Amino acid sequence: MTSLYDKLESYLRALGVTTEKCASILYPMVESCFQEDFLKAWNRSVTSAASTDAKERLTNLMQKQREKKELIWQRLVLAWV
């Protein structure tokens, strides 16, 4: 998911479009790629409710996904130990 966002952002940047300009377009596209259970948890979170700006919501959503991925890796490492 993170790599998809990075690719989209780099393609748009190559066209001269910044995240600030297109966050309102990127957010629904990126959000639609997440699993339903993740989105339900995200929408219930304080971080999601506090964000009103599209760029801020997009940044927070991607950060939450990175944290989730890191937690999964930590659990896998602990399972192997």
C-alpha atoms as a PDB file:
ATOM      1  CA  MET A   1       0.000   0.000   0.000  1.00  0.00           C
ATOM      2  CA  THR A   2       2.766   2.393   0.905  1.00  0.00           C
ATOM      3  CA  SER A   3       4.541   1.641  -2.361  1.00  0.00           C
ATOM      4  CA  LEU A   4       1.330   2.372  -4.295  1.00  0.00           C
ATOM      5  CA  TYR A   5       1.036   5.755  -2.594  1.00  0.00           C
ATOM      6  CA  ASP A   6       4.723   6.487  -3.258  1.00  0.00           C
ATOM      7  CA  LYS A   7       4.325   5.593  -6.946  1.00  0.00           C
ATOM      8  CA  LEU A   8       1.230   7.751  -7.325  1.00  0.00           C
ATOM      9  CA  GLU A   9       2.924  10.648  -5.590  1.00  0.00           C
ATOM     10  CA  SER A  10       6.061  10.357  -7.739  1.00  0.00           C
ATOM     11  CA  TYR A  11       4.037  10.203 -10.977  1.00  0.00           C
ATOM     12  CA  LEU A  12       2.028  13.241  -9.953  1.00  0.00           C
ATOM     13  CA  ARG A  13       5.176  15.095  -8.876  1.00  0.00           C
ATOM     14  CA  ALA A  14       6.688  14.367 -12.319  1.00  0.00           C
ATOM     15  CA  LEU A  15       3.642  16.101 -13.782  1.00  0.00           C
ATOM     16  CA  GLY A  16       4.196  19.061 -11.485  1.00  0.00           C
ATOM     17  CA  VAL A  17       1.321  18.202  -9.141  1.00  0.00           C
ATOM     18  CA  THR A  18       2.134  18.258  -5.422  1.00  0.00           C
ATOM     19  CA  THR A  19       0.467  16.359  -2.600  1.00  0.00           C
ATOM     20  CA  GLU A  20      -0.884  19.661  -1.302  1.00  0.00           C
ATOM     21  CA  LYS A  21      -2.669  20.212  -4.605  1.00  0.00           C
ATOM     22  CA  CYS A  22      -4.030  16.705  -5.067  1.00  0.00           C
ATOM     23  CA  ALA A  23      -4.533  15.286  -1.558  1.00  0.00           C
ATOM     24  CA  SER A  24      -8.293  15.518  -1.924  1.00  0.00           C
ATOM     25  CA  ILE A  25      -8.023  13.285  -5.006  1.00  0.00           C
ATOM     26  CA  LEU A  26      -5.365  10.934  -3.634  1.00  0.00           C
ATOM     27  CA  TYR A  27      -7.053  10.296  -0.278  1.00  0.00           C
ATOM     28  CA  PRO A  28     -10.130   8.432  -1.632  1.00  0.00           C
ATOM     29  CA  MET A  29      -7.960   6.505  -4.098  1.00  0.00           C
ATOM     30  CA  VAL A  30      -5.560   5.372  -1.387  1.00  0.00           C
ATOM     31  CA  GLU A  31      -8.336   4.727   1.126  1.00  0.00           C
ATOM     32  CA  SER A  32     -10.168   2.457  -1.332  1.00  0.00           C
ATOM     33  CA  CYS A  33      -7.145   0.127  -1.408  1.00  0.00           C
ATOM     34  CA  PHE A  34      -7.279  -0.693   2.308  1.00  0.00           C
ATOM     35  CA  GLN A  35      -9.127  -3.640   3.810  1.00  0.00           C
ATOM     36  CA  GLU A  36     -12.483  -2.947   5.402  1.00  0.00           C
ATOM     37  CA  ASP A  37     -11.396  -3.885   8.951  1.00  0.00           C
ATOM     38  CA  PHE A  38      -8.468  -1.463   8.797  1.00  0.00           C
ATOM     39  CA  LEU A  39     -10.730   1.339   7.546  1.00  0.00           C
ATOM     40  CA  LYS A  40     -13.286   0.723  10.298  1.00  0.00           C
ATOM     41  CA  ALA A  41     -10.546   0.979  12.929  1.00  0.00           C
ATOM     42  CA  TRP A  42      -9.122   4.048  11.196  1.00  0.00           C
ATOM     43  CA  ASN A  43     -12.474   5.828  11.083  1.00  0.00           C
ATOM     44  CA  ARG A  44     -12.979   5.177  14.816  1.00  0.00           C
ATOM     45  CA  SER A  45      -9.555   6.531  15.717  1.00  0.00           C
ATOM     46  CA  VAL A  46      -8.952   9.938  17.266  1.00  0.00           C
ATOM     47  CA  THR A  47      -6.384  10.719  14.568  1.00  0.00           C
ATOM     48  CA  SER A  48      -8.955  10.249  11.830  1.00  0.00           C
ATOM     49  CA  ALA A  49     -11.588  12.364  13.574  1.00  0.00           C
ATOM     50  CA  ALA A  50      -9.142  15.187  14.322  1.00  0.00           C
ATOM     51  CA  SER A  51      -8.028  15.557  10.703  1.00  0.00           C
ATOM     52  CA  THR A  52     -10.048  17.930   8.564  1.00  0.00           C
ATOM     53  CA  ASP A  53      -7.489  18.793   5.889  1.00  0.00           C
ATOM     54  CA  ALA A  54      -7.235  16.188   3.091  1.00  0.00           C
ATOM     55  CA  LYS A  55      -3.422  16.256   3.108  1.00  0.00           C
ATOM     56  CA  GLU A  56      -3.332  15.752   6.874  1.00  0.00           C
ATOM     57  CA  ARG A  57      -5.848  12.867   6.674  1.00  0.00           C
ATOM     58  CA  LEU A  58      -3.792  11.239   3.906  1.00  0.00           C
ATOM     59  CA  THR A  59      -0.549  11.635   5.848  1.00  0.00           C
ATOM     60  CA  ASN A  60      -2.123  10.255   9.035  1.00  0.00           C
ATOM     61  CA  LEU A  61      -3.693   7.329   7.180  1.00  0.00           C
ATOM     62  CA  MET A  62      -0.369   6.340   5.640  1.00  0.00           C
ATOM     63  CA  GLN A  63       1.381   6.691   9.015  1.00  0.00           C
ATOM     64  CA  LYS A  64      -1.209   4.405  10.617  1.00  0.00           C
ATOM     65  CA  GLN A  65      -0.626   1.841   7.867  1.00  0.00           C
ATOM     66  CA  ARG A  66       3.148   2.002   8.414  1.00  0.00           C
ATOM     67  CA  GLU A  67       2.628   1.487  12.166  1.00  0.00           C
ATOM     68  CA  LYS A  68       0.370  -1.489  11.511  1.00  0.00           C
ATOM     69  CA  LYS A  69       2.933  -3.036   9.166  1.00  0.00           C
ATOM     70  CA  GLU A  70       5.712  -2.502  11.738  1.00  0.00           C
ATOM     71  CA  LEU A  71       3.605  -4.141  14.450  1.00  0.00           C
ATOM     72  CA  ILE A  72       3.010  -7.169  12.236  1.00  0.00           C
ATOM     73  CA  TRP A  73       6.759  -7.495  11.592  1.00  0.00           C
ATOM     74  CA  GLN A  74       7.497  -7.256  15.307  1.00  0.00           C
ATOM     75  CA  ARG A  75       4.990 -10.022  16.030  1.00  0.00           C
ATOM     76  CA  LEU A  76       6.512 -12.213  13.344  1.00  0.00           C
ATOM     77  CA  VAL A  77      10.001 -11.699  14.764  1.00  0.00           C
ATOM     78  CA  LEU A  78       8.798 -12.557  18.270  1.00  0.00           C
ATOM     79  CA  ALA A  79       7.053 -15.669  16.954  1.00  0.00           C
ATOM     80  CA  TRP A  80      10.344 -16.898  15.489  1.00  0.00           C
ATOM     81  CA  VAL A  81      12.326 -16.240  18.674  1.00  0.00           C
END
